[in-house]
PDB file of N, CA and C in Angstrom:
ATOM      1  N   MET A   1      15.613   9.691  21.649  1.00  0.00           N
ATOM      2  CA  MET A   1      16.232  10.092  20.409  1.00  0.00           C
ATOM      3  C   MET A   1      15.368  11.194  19.787  1.00  0.00           C
ATOM      4  N   THR A   2      15.989  12.293  19.407  1.00  0.00           N
ATOM      5  CA  THR A   2      15.257  13.409  18.819  1.00  0.00           C
ATOM      6  C   THR A   2      16.072  14.034  17.709  1.00  0.00           C
ATOM      7  N   GLY A   3      15.440  14.918  16.986  1.00  0.00           N
ATOM      8  CA  GLY A   3      16.117  15.745  16.005  1.00  0.00           C
ATOM      9  C   GLY A   3      16.649  15.007  14.800  1.00  0.00           C
ATOM     10  N   LEU A   4      17.872  15.371  14.443  1.00  0.00           N
ATOM     11  CA  LEU A   4      18.490  14.866  13.224  1.00  0.00           C
ATOM     12  C   LEU A   4      18.706  13.360  13.263  1.00  0.00           C
ATOM     13  N   SER A   5      19.103  12.833  14.405  1.00  0.00           N
ATOM     14  CA  SER A   5      19.345  11.390  14.484  1.00  0.00           C
ATOM     15  C   SER A   5      18.059  10.602  14.261  1.00  0.00           C
ATOM     16  N   LEU A   6      16.924  11.097  14.760  1.00  0.00           N
ATOM     17  CA  LEU A   6      15.657  10.418  14.536  1.00  0.00           C
ATOM     18  C   LEU A   6      15.252  10.480  13.067  1.00  0.00           C
ATOM     19  N   MET A   7      15.497  11.591  12.420  1.00  0.00           N
ATOM     20  CA  MET A   7      15.202  11.720  10.991  1.00  0.00           C
ATOM     21  C   MET A   7      16.039  10.751  10.168  1.00  0.00           C
ATOM     22  N   ILE A   8      17.307  10.617  10.509  1.00  0.00           N
ATOM     23  CA  ILE A   8      18.194   9.699   9.791  1.00  0.00           C
ATOM     24  C   ILE A   8      17.725   8.255   9.968  1.00  0.00           C
ATOM     25  N   VAL A   9      17.375   7.887  11.196  1.00  0.00           N
ATOM     26  CA  VAL A   9      16.882   6.529  11.457  1.00  0.00           C
ATOM     27  C   VAL A   9      15.573   6.292  10.711  1.00  0.00           C
ATOM     28  N   PHE A  10      14.700   7.288  10.661  1.00  0.00           N
ATOM     29  CA  PHE A  10      13.436   7.159   9.941  1.00  0.00           C
ATOM     30  C   PHE A  10      13.684   6.950   8.449  1.00  0.00           C
ATOM     31  N   LEU A  11      14.586   7.733   7.867  1.00  0.00           N
ATOM     32  CA  LEU A  11      14.907   7.574   6.443  1.00  0.00           C
ATOM     33  C   LEU A  11      15.513   6.198   6.165  1.00  0.00           C
ATOM     34  N   MET A  12      16.355   5.715   7.073  1.00  0.00           N
ATOM     35  CA  MET A  12      16.913   4.372   6.913  1.00  0.00           C
ATOM     36  C   MET A  12      15.811   3.318   6.983  1.00  0.00           C
ATOM     37  N   ALA A  13      14.829   3.526   7.848  1.00  0.00           N
ATOM     38  CA  ALA A  13      13.712   2.586   7.954  1.00  0.00           C
ATOM     39  C   ALA A  13      12.902   2.551   6.657  1.00  0.00           C
ATOM     40  N   VAL A  14      12.678   3.711   6.057  1.00  0.00           N
ATOM     41  CA  VAL A  14      11.950   3.770   4.787  1.00  0.00           C
ATOM     42  C   VAL A  14      12.727   3.041   3.700  1.00  0.00           C
ATOM     43  N   ILE A  15      14.030   3.233   3.647  1.00  0.00           N
ATOM     44  CA  ILE A  15      14.866   2.554   2.657  1.00  0.00           C
ATOM     45  C   ILE A  15      14.821   1.041   2.865  1.00  0.00           C
ATOM     46  N   VAL A  16      14.886   0.605   4.120  1.00  0.00           N
ATOM     47  CA  VAL A  16      14.807  -0.831   4.419  1.00  0.00           C
ATOM     48  C   VAL A  16      13.462  -1.393   3.961  1.00  0.00           C
ATOM     49  N   MET A  17      12.373  -0.648   4.175  1.00  0.00           N
ATOM     50  CA  MET A  17      11.059  -1.117   3.730  1.00  0.00           C
ATOM     51  C   MET A  17      11.006  -1.250   2.212  1.00  0.00           C
ATOM     52  N   ILE A  18      11.494  -0.250   1.507  1.00  0.00           N
ATOM     53  CA  ILE A  18      11.452  -0.275   0.044  1.00  0.00           C
ATOM     54  C   ILE A  18      12.273  -1.433  -0.500  1.00  0.00           C
ATOM     55  N   VAL A  19      13.482  -1.616   0.018  1.00  0.00           N
ATOM     56  CA  VAL A  19      14.346  -2.695  -0.458  1.00  0.00           C
ATOM     57  C   VAL A  19      13.755  -4.062  -0.108  1.00  0.00           C
ATOM     58  N   SER A  20      13.221  -4.189   1.096  1.00  0.00           N
ATOM     59  CA  SER A  20      12.665  -5.475   1.526  1.00  0.00           C
ATOM     60  C   SER A  20      11.482  -5.893   0.664  1.00  0.00           C
ATOM     61  N   ILE A  21      10.653  -4.933   0.310  1.00  0.00           N
ATOM     62  CA  ILE A  21       9.456  -5.257  -0.465  1.00  0.00           C
ATOM     63  C   ILE A  21       9.791  -5.429  -1.944  1.00  0.00           C
ATOM     64  N   SER A  22      10.587  -4.525  -2.503  1.00  0.00           N
ATOM     65  CA  SER A  22      10.812  -4.558  -3.945  1.00  0.00           C
ATOM     66  C   SER A  22      11.927  -5.511  -4.377  1.00  0.00           C
ATOM     67  N   LYS A  23      12.996  -5.581  -3.635  1.00  0.00           N
ATOM     68  CA  LYS A  23      14.124  -6.419  -4.050  1.00  0.00           C
ATOM     69  C   LYS A  23      14.068  -7.821  -3.468  1.00  0.00           C
ATOM     70  N   TRP A  24      13.687  -7.926  -2.202  1.00  0.00           N
ATOM     71  CA  TRP A  24      13.715  -9.229  -1.530  1.00  0.00           C
ATOM     72  C   TRP A  24      12.357  -9.918  -1.561  1.00  0.00           C
ATOM     73  N   ASN A  25      11.341  -9.251  -2.122  1.00  0.00           N
ATOM     74  CA  ASN A  25       9.987  -9.801  -2.275  1.00  0.00           C
ATOM     75  C   ASN A  25       9.383 -10.313  -0.968  1.00  0.00           C
ATOM     76  N   LEU A  26       9.621  -9.591   0.119  1.00  0.00           N
ATOM     77  CA  LEU A  26       9.002  -9.936   1.391  1.00  0.00           C
ATOM     78  C   LEU A  26       7.593  -9.358   1.439  1.00  0.00           C
ATOM     79  N   HIS A  27       6.742  -9.959   2.223  1.00  0.00           N
ATOM     80  CA  HIS A  27       5.352  -9.502   2.305  1.00  0.00           C
ATOM     81  C   HIS A  27       5.310  -8.100   2.934  1.00  0.00           C
ATOM     82  N   PRO A  28       4.601  -7.164   2.296  1.00  0.00           N
ATOM     83  CA  PRO A  28       4.583  -5.781   2.781  1.00  0.00           C
ATOM     84  C   PRO A  28       4.101  -5.619   4.224  1.00  0.00           C
ATOM     85  N   PHE A  29       3.090  -6.398   4.625  1.00  0.00           N
ATOM     86  CA  PHE A  29       2.580  -6.264   5.982  1.00  0.00           C
ATOM     87  C   PHE A  29       3.642  -6.674   6.998  1.00  0.00           C
ATOM     88  N   LEU A  30       4.324  -7.778   6.722  1.00  0.00           N
ATOM     89  CA  LEU A  30       5.362  -8.233   7.651  1.00  0.00           C
ATOM     90  C   LEU A  30       6.523  -7.249   7.722  1.00  0.00           C
ATOM     91  N   VAL A  31       6.884  -6.680   6.575  1.00  0.00           N
ATOM     92  CA  VAL A  31       7.959  -5.677   6.544  1.00  0.00           C
ATOM     93  C   VAL A  31       7.543  -4.451   7.335  1.00  0.00           C
ATOM     94  N   LEU A  32       6.320  -3.996   7.135  1.00  0.00           N
ATOM     95  CA  LEU A  32       5.836  -2.815   7.850  1.00  0.00           C
ATOM     96  C   LEU A  32       5.824  -3.042   9.356  1.00  0.00           C
ATOM     97  N   MET A  33       5.358  -4.193   9.777  1.00  0.00           N
ATOM     98  CA  MET A  33       5.332  -4.500  11.208  1.00  0.00           C
ATOM     99  C   MET A  33       6.746  -4.604  11.780  1.00  0.00           C
ATOM    100  N   GLY A  34       7.638  -5.284  11.070  1.00  0.00           N
ATOM    101  CA  GLY A  34       9.009  -5.441  11.553  1.00  0.00           C
ATOM    102  C   GLY A  34       9.759  -4.127  11.632  1.00  0.00           C
ATOM    103  N   VAL A  35       9.631  -3.318  10.597  1.00  0.00           N
ATOM    104  CA  VAL A  35      10.315  -2.018  10.581  1.00  0.00           C
ATOM    105  C   VAL A  35       9.717  -1.099  11.641  1.00  0.00           C
ATOM    106  N   SER A  36       8.409  -1.147  11.825  1.00  0.00           N
ATOM    107  CA  SER A  36       7.774  -0.334  12.868  1.00  0.00           C
ATOM    108  C   SER A  36       8.291  -0.719  14.247  1.00  0.00           C
ATOM    109  N   LEU A  37       8.382  -2.004  14.484  1.00  0.00           N
ATOM    110  CA  LEU A  37       8.881  -2.487  15.767  1.00  0.00           C
ATOM    111  C   LEU A  37      10.334  -2.062  15.988  1.00  0.00           C
ATOM    112  N   CYS A  38      11.177  -2.255  14.972  1.00  0.00           N
ATOM    113  CA  CYS A  38      12.590  -1.866  15.104  1.00  0.00           C
ATOM    114  C   CYS A  38      12.745  -0.358  15.287  1.00  0.00           C
ATOM    115  N   LEU A  39      11.985   0.421  14.545  1.00  0.00           N
ATOM    116  CA  LEU A  39      12.069   1.877  14.661  1.00  0.00           C
ATOM    117  C   LEU A  39      11.629   2.339  16.041  1.00  0.00           C
ATOM    118  N   ALA A  40      10.593   1.711  16.575  1.00  0.00           N
ATOM    119  CA  ALA A  40      10.140   2.076  17.919  1.00  0.00           C
ATOM    120  C   ALA A  40      11.195   1.753  18.970  1.00  0.00           C
ATOM    121  N   ILE A  41      11.824   0.595  18.844  1.00  0.00           N
ATOM    122  CA  ILE A  41      12.869   0.212  19.804  1.00  0.00           C
ATOM    123  C   ILE A  41      14.075   1.138  19.698  1.00  0.00           C
ATOM    124  N   ILE A  42      14.506   1.419  18.467  1.00  0.00           N
ATOM    125  CA  ILE A  42      15.677   2.280  18.263  1.00  0.00           C
ATOM    126  C   ILE A  42      15.410   3.703  18.749  1.00  0.00           C
ATOM    127  N   SER A  43      14.183   4.194  18.569  1.00  0.00           N
ATOM    128  CA  SER A  43      13.887   5.571  18.965  1.00  0.00           C
ATOM    129  C   SER A  43      13.695   5.729  20.468  1.00  0.00           C
ATOM    130  N   GLY A  44      13.698   4.624  21.208  1.00  0.00           N
ATOM    131  CA  GLY A  44      13.671   4.716  22.656  1.00  0.00           C
ATOM    132  C   GLY A  44      12.305   4.577  23.299  1.00  0.00           C
ATOM    133  N   ILE A  45      11.333   4.091  22.562  1.00  0.00           N
ATOM    134  CA  ILE A  45      10.008   3.880  23.140  1.00  0.00           C
ATOM    135  C   ILE A  45      10.055   2.624  24.003  1.00  0.00           C
ATOM    136  N   LYS A  46       9.388   2.680  25.154  1.00  0.00           N
ATOM    137  CA  LYS A  46       9.371   1.530  26.051  1.00  0.00           C
ATOM    138  C   LYS A  46       8.702   0.340  25.361  1.00  0.00           C
ATOM    139  N   ILE A  47       9.261  -0.833  25.557  1.00  0.00           N
ATOM    140  CA  ILE A  47       8.744  -2.031  24.895  1.00  0.00           C
ATOM    141  C   ILE A  47       7.294  -2.299  25.283  1.00  0.00           C
ATOM    142  N   SER A  48       6.922  -1.976  26.497  1.00  0.00           N
ATOM    143  CA  SER A  48       5.542  -2.208  26.932  1.00  0.00           C
ATOM    144  C   SER A  48       4.541  -1.287  26.219  1.00  0.00           C
ATOM    145  N   GLU A  49       5.001  -0.158  25.677  1.00  0.00           N
ATOM    146  CA  GLU A  49       4.111   0.784  24.995  1.00  0.00           C
ATOM    147  C   GLU A  49       3.996   0.512  23.494  1.00  0.00           C
ATOM    148  N   ILE A  50       4.914  -0.251  22.944  1.00  0.00           N
ATOM    149  CA  ILE A  50       4.973  -0.438  21.483  1.00  0.00           C
ATOM    150  C   ILE A  50       3.708  -1.088  20.915  1.00  0.00           C
ATOM    151  N   PRO A  51       3.201  -2.187  21.492  1.00  0.00           N
ATOM    152  CA  PRO A  51       1.987  -2.784  20.901  1.00  0.00           C
ATOM    153  C   PRO A  51       0.797  -1.830  20.870  1.00  0.00           C
ATOM    154  N   ASN A  52       0.636  -1.029  21.903  1.00  0.00           N
ATOM    155  CA  ASN A  52      -0.472  -0.067  21.916  1.00  0.00           C
ATOM    156  C   ASN A  52      -0.307   1.005  20.848  1.00  0.00           C
ATOM    157  N   LEU A  53       0.934   1.477  20.648  1.00  0.00           N
ATOM    158  CA  LEU A  53       1.180   2.500  19.630  1.00  0.00           C
ATOM    159  C   LEU A  53       0.929   1.964  18.230  1.00  0.00           C
ATOM    160  N   ILE A  54       1.451   0.772  17.947  1.00  0.00           N
ATOM    161  CA  ILE A  54       1.247   0.181  16.622  1.00  0.00           C
ATOM    162  C   ILE A  54      -0.235  -0.101  16.409  1.00  0.00           C
ATOM    163  N   GLY A  55      -0.907  -0.629  17.431  1.00  0.00           N
ATOM    164  CA  GLY A  55      -2.342  -0.914  17.323  1.00  0.00           C
ATOM    165  C   GLY A  55      -3.175   0.325  17.106  1.00  0.00           C
ATOM    166  N   SER A  56      -2.847   1.390  17.821  1.00  0.00           N
ATOM    167  CA  SER A  56      -3.624   2.622  17.637  1.00  0.00           C
ATOM    168  C   SER A  56      -3.383   3.235  16.265  1.00  0.00           C
ATOM    169  N   GLY A  57      -2.178   3.089  15.741  1.00  0.00           N
ATOM    170  CA  GLY A  57      -1.893   3.589  14.395  1.00  0.00           C
ATOM    171  C   GLY A  57      -2.676   2.840  13.335  1.00  0.00           C
ATOM    172  N   PHE A  58      -2.701   1.518  13.449  1.00  0.00           N
ATOM    173  CA  PHE A  58      -3.452   0.724  12.487  1.00  0.00           C
ATOM    174  C   PHE A  58      -4.956   0.917  12.639  1.00  0.00           C
ATOM    175  N   SER A  59      -5.430   1.036  13.853  1.00  0.00           N
ATOM    176  CA  SER A  59      -6.870   1.214  14.029  1.00  0.00           C
ATOM    177  C   SER A  59      -7.324   2.560  13.476  1.00  0.00           C
ATOM    178  N   GLY A  60      -6.475   3.574  13.565  1.00  0.00           N
ATOM    179  CA  GLY A  60      -6.824   4.865  12.980  1.00  0.00           C
ATOM    180  C   GLY A  60      -6.958   4.786  11.475  1.00  0.00           C
ATOM    181  N   VAL A  61      -6.063   4.043  10.838  1.00  0.00           N
ATOM    182  CA  VAL A  61      -6.123   3.887   9.385  1.00  0.00           C
ATOM    183  C   VAL A  61      -7.319   3.039   8.988  1.00  0.00           C
ATOM    184  N   PHE A  62      -7.500   1.911   9.653  1.00  0.00           N
ATOM    185  CA  PHE A  62      -8.576   1.003   9.277  1.00  0.00           C
ATOM    186  C   PHE A  62      -9.955   1.561   9.584  1.00  0.00           C
ATOM    187  N   SER A  63     -10.061   2.425  10.585  1.00  0.00           N
ATOM    188  CA  SER A  63     -11.377   2.977  10.881  1.00  0.00           C
ATOM    189  C   SER A  63     -11.821   3.941   9.792  1.00  0.00           C
ATOM    190  N   SER A  64     -10.884   4.560   9.087  1.00  0.00           N
ATOM    191  CA  SER A  64     -11.276   5.529   8.066  1.00  0.00           C
ATOM    192  C   SER A  64     -11.307   4.939   6.658  1.00  0.00           C
ATOM    193  N   ILE A  65     -10.323   4.139   6.289  1.00  0.00           N
ATOM    194  CA  ILE A  65     -10.248   3.681   4.907  1.00  0.00           C
ATOM    195  C   ILE A  65      -9.966   2.186   4.798  1.00  0.00           C
ATOM    196  N   GLY A  66      -9.861   1.510   5.909  1.00  0.00           N
ATOM    197  CA  GLY A  66      -9.485   0.104   5.902  1.00  0.00           C
ATOM    198  C   GLY A  66     -10.419  -0.788   5.130  1.00  0.00           C
ATOM    199  N   ILE A  67     -11.725  -0.569   5.235  1.00  0.00           N
ATOM    200  CA  ILE A  67     -12.680  -1.421   4.538  1.00  0.00           C
ATOM    201  C   ILE A  67     -12.526  -1.289   3.030  1.00  0.00           C
ATOM    202  N   VAL A  68     -12.220  -0.089   2.552  1.00  0.00           N
ATOM    203  CA  VAL A  68     -12.016   0.124   1.123  1.00  0.00           C
ATOM    204  C   VAL A  68     -10.770  -0.630   0.657  1.00  0.00           C
ATOM    205  N   ILE A  69      -9.710  -0.570   1.443  1.00  0.00           N
ATOM    206  CA  ILE A  69      -8.478  -1.268   1.096  1.00  0.00           C
ATOM    207  C   ILE A  69      -8.702  -2.776   1.081  1.00  0.00           C
ATOM    208  N   ILE A  70      -9.367  -3.285   2.095  1.00  0.00           N
ATOM    209  CA  ILE A  70      -9.601  -4.736   2.180  1.00  0.00           C
ATOM    210  C   ILE A  70     -10.475  -5.208   1.021  1.00  0.00           C
ATOM    211  N   LEU A  71     -11.559  -4.494   0.725  1.00  0.00           N
ATOM    212  CA  LEU A  71     -12.429  -4.894  -0.381  1.00  0.00           C
ATOM    213  C   LEU A  71     -11.719  -4.778  -1.731  1.00  0.00           C
ATOM    214  N   GLY A  72     -10.912  -3.741  -1.899  1.00  0.00           N
ATOM    215  CA  GLY A  72     -10.149  -3.598  -3.135  1.00  0.00           C
ATOM    216  C   GLY A  72      -9.162  -4.732  -3.330  1.00  0.00           C
ATOM    217  N   ALA A  73      -8.488  -5.116  -2.269  1.00  0.00           N
ATOM    218  CA  ALA A  73      -7.561  -6.242  -2.348  1.00  0.00           C
ATOM    219  C   ALA A  73      -8.298  -7.541  -2.627  1.00  0.00           C
ATOM    220  N   LEU A  74      -9.453  -7.712  -2.016  1.00  0.00           N
ATOM    221  CA  LEU A  74     -10.249  -8.916  -2.235  1.00  0.00           C
ATOM    222  C   LEU A  74     -10.730  -9.005  -3.676  1.00  0.00           C
ATOM    223  N   ILE A  75     -11.268  -7.916  -4.198  1.00  0.00           N
ATOM    224  CA  ILE A  75     -11.744  -7.909  -5.582  1.00  0.00           C
ATOM    225  C   ILE A  75     -10.586  -8.125  -6.547  1.00  0.00           C
ATOM    226  N   GLY A  76      -9.448  -7.479  -6.288  1.00  0.00           N
ATOM    227  CA  GLY A  76      -8.277  -7.677  -7.140  1.00  0.00           C
ATOM    228  C   GLY A  76      -7.798  -9.111  -7.139  1.00  0.00           C
ATOM    229  N   ALA A  77      -7.786  -9.748  -5.975  1.00  0.00           N
ATOM    230  CA  ALA A  77      -7.367 -11.144  -5.892  1.00  0.00           C
ATOM    231  C   ALA A  77      -8.332 -12.055  -6.640  1.00  0.00           C
ATOM    232  N   ILE A  78      -9.625 -11.783  -6.516  1.00  0.00           N
ATOM    233  CA  ILE A  78     -10.615 -12.590  -7.231  1.00  0.00           C
ATOM    234  C   ILE A  78     -10.467 -12.416  -8.744  1.00  0.00           C
ATOM    235  N   LEU A  79     -10.293 -11.175  -9.195  1.00  0.00           N
ATOM    236  CA  LEU A  79     -10.103 -10.926 -10.628  1.00  0.00           C
ATOM    237  C   LEU A  79      -8.856 -11.625 -11.148  1.00  0.00           C
ATOM    238  N   GLU A  80      -7.812 -11.636 -10.354  1.00  0.00           N
ATOM    239  CA  GLU A  80      -6.572 -12.283 -10.781  1.00  0.00           C
ATOM    240  C   GLU A  80      -6.718 -13.804 -10.834  1.00  0.00           C
ATOM    241  N   LYS A  81      -7.275 -14.391  -9.787  1.00  0.00           N
ATOM    242  CA  LYS A  81      -7.380 -15.856  -9.708  1.00  0.00           C
ATOM    243  C   LYS A  81      -8.331 -16.433 -10.750  1.00  0.00           C
ATOM    244  N   THR A  82      -9.405 -15.716 -11.068  1.00  0.00           N
ATOM    245  CA  THR A  82     -10.381 -16.231 -12.017  1.00  0.00           C
ATOM    246  C   THR A  82     -10.019 -15.936 -13.468  1.00  0.00           C
ATOM    247  N   GLY A  83      -9.028 -15.070 -13.683  1.00  0.00           N
ATOM    248  CA  GLY A  83      -8.652 -14.707 -15.038  1.00  0.00           C
ATOM    249  C   GLY A  83      -9.487 -13.567 -15.598  1.00  0.00           C
ATOM    250  N   ALA A  84     -10.365 -13.013 -14.782  1.00  0.00           N
ATOM    251  CA  ALA A  84     -11.237 -11.938 -15.242  1.00  0.00           C
ATOM    252  C   ALA A  84     -10.457 -10.668 -15.564  1.00  0.00           C
ATOM    253  N   ALA A  85      -9.343 -10.447 -14.893  1.00  0.00           N
ATOM    254  CA  ALA A  85      -8.542  -9.249 -15.163  1.00  0.00           C
ATOM    255  C   ALA A  85      -8.008  -9.274 -16.597  1.00  0.00           C
ATOM    256  N   ILE A  86      -7.616 -10.439 -17.056  1.00  0.00           N
ATOM    257  CA  ILE A  86      -7.112 -10.567 -18.433  1.00  0.00           C
ATOM    258  C   ILE A  86      -8.246 -10.357 -19.423  1.00  0.00           C
ATOM    259  N   VAL A  87      -9.415 -10.898 -19.137  1.00  0.00           N
ATOM    260  CA  VAL A  87     -10.570 -10.730 -20.017  1.00  0.00           C
ATOM    261  C   VAL A  87     -10.961  -9.258 -20.113  1.00  0.00           C
ATOM    262  N   ILE A  88     -10.976  -8.565 -18.991  1.00  0.00           N
ATOM    263  CA  ILE A  88     -11.312  -7.137 -18.980  1.00  0.00           C
ATOM    264  C   ILE A  88     -10.289  -6.344 -19.789  1.00  0.00           C
ATOM    265  N   THR A  89      -9.018  -6.662 -19.578  1.00  0.00           N
ATOM    266  CA  THR A  89      -7.956  -5.969 -20.308  1.00  0.00           C
ATOM    267  C   THR A  89      -8.071  -6.201 -21.805  1.00  0.00           C
ATOM    268  N   GLN A  90      -8.325  -7.432 -22.215  1.00  0.00           N
ATOM    269  CA  GLN A  90      -8.467  -7.732 -23.641  1.00  0.00           C
ATOM    270  C   GLN A  90      -9.677  -7.024 -24.241  1.00  0.00           C
ATOM    271  N   ALA A  91     -10.757  -6.923 -23.497  1.00  0.00           N
ATOM    272  CA  ALA A  91     -11.944  -6.226 -23.991  1.00  0.00           C
ATOM    273  C   ALA A  91     -11.663  -4.741 -24.183  1.00  0.00           C
ATOM    274  N   ILE A  92     -10.958  -4.148 -23.240  1.00  0.00           N
ATOM    275  CA  ILE A  92     -10.612  -2.720 -23.374  1.00  0.00           C
ATOM    276  C   ILE A  92      -9.689  -2.508 -24.564  1.00  0.00           C
ATOM    277  N   LEU A  93      -8.720  -3.396 -24.734  1.00  0.00           N
ATOM    278  CA  LEU A  93      -7.800  -3.267 -25.867  1.00  0.00           C
ATOM    279  C   LEU A  93      -8.520  -3.432 -27.202  1.00  0.00           C
ATOM    280  N   GLN A  94      -9.545  -4.278 -27.274  1.00  0.00           N
ATOM    281  CA  GLN A  94     -10.317  -4.426 -28.512  1.00  0.00           C
ATOM    282  C   GLN A  94     -11.088  -3.152 -28.835  1.00  0.00           C
ATOM    283  N   VAL A  95     -11.543  -2.450 -27.819  1.00  0.00           N
ATOM    284  CA  VAL A  95     -12.330  -1.236 -28.038  1.00  0.00           C
ATOM    285  C   VAL A  95     -11.428  -0.069 -28.431  1.00  0.00           C
ATOM    286  N   VAL A  96     -10.340   0.152 -27.684  1.00  0.00           N
ATOM    287  CA  VAL A  96      -9.512   1.340 -27.908  1.00  0.00           C
ATOM    288  C   VAL A  96      -8.304   1.071 -28.787  1.00  0.00           C
ATOM    289  N   GLY A  97      -7.896  -0.168 -28.913  1.00  0.00           N
ATOM    290  CA  GLY A  97      -6.710  -0.502 -29.692  1.00  0.00           C
ATOM    291  C   GLY A  97      -5.459  -0.408 -28.844  1.00  0.00           C
ATOM    292  N   PRO A  98      -4.431  -1.160 -29.223  1.00  0.00           N
ATOM    293  CA  PRO A  98      -3.218  -1.205 -28.403  1.00  0.00           C
ATOM    294  C   PRO A  98      -2.445   0.118 -28.361  1.00  0.00           C
ATOM    295  N   LYS A  99      -2.589   0.951 -29.387  1.00  0.00           N
ATOM    296  CA  LYS A  99      -1.845   2.210 -29.396  1.00  0.00           C
ATOM    297  C   LYS A  99      -2.392   3.225 -28.389  1.00  0.00           C
ATOM    298  N   LYS A 100      -3.665   3.106 -28.053  1.00  0.00           N
ATOM    299  CA  LYS A 100      -4.289   4.061 -27.141  1.00  0.00           C
ATOM    300  C   LYS A 100      -4.561   3.460 -25.767  1.00  0.00           C
ATOM    301  N   ALA A 101      -3.920   2.349 -25.458  1.00  0.00           N
ATOM    302  CA  ALA A 101      -4.192   1.661 -24.197  1.00  0.00           C
ATOM    303  C   ALA A 101      -3.815   2.517 -22.992  1.00  0.00           C
ATOM    304  N   THR A 102      -2.673   3.171 -23.046  1.00  0.00           N
ATOM    305  CA  THR A 102      -2.226   3.982 -21.919  1.00  0.00           C
ATOM    306  C   THR A 102      -3.158   5.167 -21.693  1.00  0.00           C
ATOM    307  N   ILE A 103      -3.543   5.817 -22.769  1.00  0.00           N
ATOM    308  CA  ILE A 103      -4.431   6.980 -22.645  1.00  0.00           C
ATOM    309  C   ILE A 103      -5.797   6.556 -22.115  1.00  0.00           C
ATOM    310  N   SER A 104      -6.289   5.418 -22.578  1.00  0.00           N
ATOM    311  CA  SER A 104      -7.599   4.971 -22.087  1.00  0.00           C
ATOM    312  C   SER A 104      -7.546   4.601 -20.619  1.00  0.00           C
ATOM    313  N   ALA A 105      -6.447   4.002 -20.175  1.00  0.00           N
ATOM    314  CA  ALA A 105      -6.304   3.677 -18.753  1.00  0.00           C
ATOM    315  C   ALA A 105      -6.262   4.951 -17.921  1.00  0.00           C
ATOM    316  N   LEU A 106      -5.579   5.960 -18.402  1.00  0.00           N
ATOM    317  CA  LEU A 106      -5.524   7.239 -17.697  1.00  0.00           C
ATOM    318  C   LEU A 106      -6.903   7.877 -17.633  1.00  0.00           C
ATOM    319  N   ASN A 107      -7.658   7.814 -18.729  1.00  0.00           N
ATOM    320  CA  ASN A 107      -9.011   8.371 -18.741  1.00  0.00           C
ATOM    321  C   ASN A 107      -9.917   7.639 -17.766  1.00  0.00           C
ATOM    322  N   CYS A 108      -9.763   6.334 -17.634  1.00  0.00           N
ATOM    323  CA  CYS A 108     -10.575   5.580 -16.663  1.00  0.00           C
ATOM    324  C   CYS A 108     -10.293   6.062 -15.256  1.00  0.00           C
ATOM    325  N   ARG A 109      -9.041   6.301 -14.936  1.00  0.00           N
ATOM    326  CA  ARG A 109      -8.673   6.794 -13.606  1.00  0.00           C
ATOM    327  C   ARG A 109      -9.267   8.168 -13.362  1.00  0.00           C
ATOM    328  N   VAL A 110      -9.139   9.050 -14.332  1.00  0.00           N
ATOM    329  CA  VAL A 110      -9.651  10.406 -14.153  1.00  0.00           C
ATOM    330  C   VAL A 110     -11.164  10.371 -13.982  1.00  0.00           C
ATOM    331  N   ASP A 111     -11.865   9.588 -14.822  1.00  0.00           N
ATOM    332  CA  ASP A 111     -13.323   9.496 -14.702  1.00  0.00           C
ATOM    333  C   ASP A 111     -13.721   8.941 -13.352  1.00  0.00           C
ATOM    334  N   TYR A 112     -13.005   7.926 -12.883  1.00  0.00           N
ATOM    335  CA  TYR A 112     -13.329   7.331 -11.595  1.00  0.00           C
ATOM    336  C   TYR A 112     -13.185   8.352 -10.487  1.00  0.00           C
ATOM    337  N   PHE A 113     -12.069   9.074 -10.468  1.00  0.00           N
ATOM    338  CA  PHE A 113     -11.845  10.025  -9.395  1.00  0.00           C
ATOM    339  C   PHE A 113     -12.797  11.209  -9.484  1.00  0.00           C
ATOM    340  N   ASP A 114     -13.161  11.613 -10.699  1.00  0.00           N
ATOM    341  CA  ASP A 114     -14.118  12.717 -10.836  1.00  0.00           C
ATOM    342  C   ASP A 114     -15.477  12.326 -10.261  1.00  0.00           C
ATOM    343  N   THR A 115     -15.945  11.120 -10.565  1.00  0.00           N
ATOM    344  CA  THR A 115     -17.264  10.721 -10.078  1.00  0.00           C
ATOM    345  C   THR A 115     -17.242  10.404  -8.597  1.00  0.00           C
ATOM    346  N   SER A 116     -16.113   9.952  -8.088  1.00  0.00           N
ATOM    347  CA  SER A 116     -16.067   9.622  -6.668  1.00  0.00           C
ATOM    348  C   SER A 116     -16.078  10.880  -5.806  1.00  0.00           C
ATOM    349  N   ILE A 117     -15.643  11.992  -6.355  1.00  0.00           N
ATOM    350  CA  ILE A 117     -15.645  13.252  -5.601  1.00  0.00           C
ATOM    351  C   ILE A 117     -17.076  13.763  -5.469  1.00  0.00           C
ATOM    352  N   LEU A 118     -17.879  13.546  -6.513  1.00  0.00           N
ATOM    353  CA  LEU A 118     -19.268  14.014  -6.477  1.00  0.00           C
ATOM    354  C   LEU A 118     -20.026  13.176  -5.511  1.00  0.00           C
TER     355      LEU A 118
END
């Protein structure tokens, strides 16, 4: 499968992923794996080659940024389970006030990205 038909199938796969995750509340990893498998089969890749392709794609991502993603998810889960995220949010709101909460959150993001570049 090549050209326009492959693009259409790819766009349909993206739509299926978005709907599955946002509307049906399916786990993103399972949706990504399922859609990847279906897209590979539909596009004509040999079934024996699919596990190697999916594995090499994930290993490329995880070798460069995977540890950051895993640690970020771990810290976020810990903050959520312990209630620390609510405490942090309340402390920020006490300092900046509820009217400036959005602007302060944006400033935190900008400061973080500025320092991470240096």
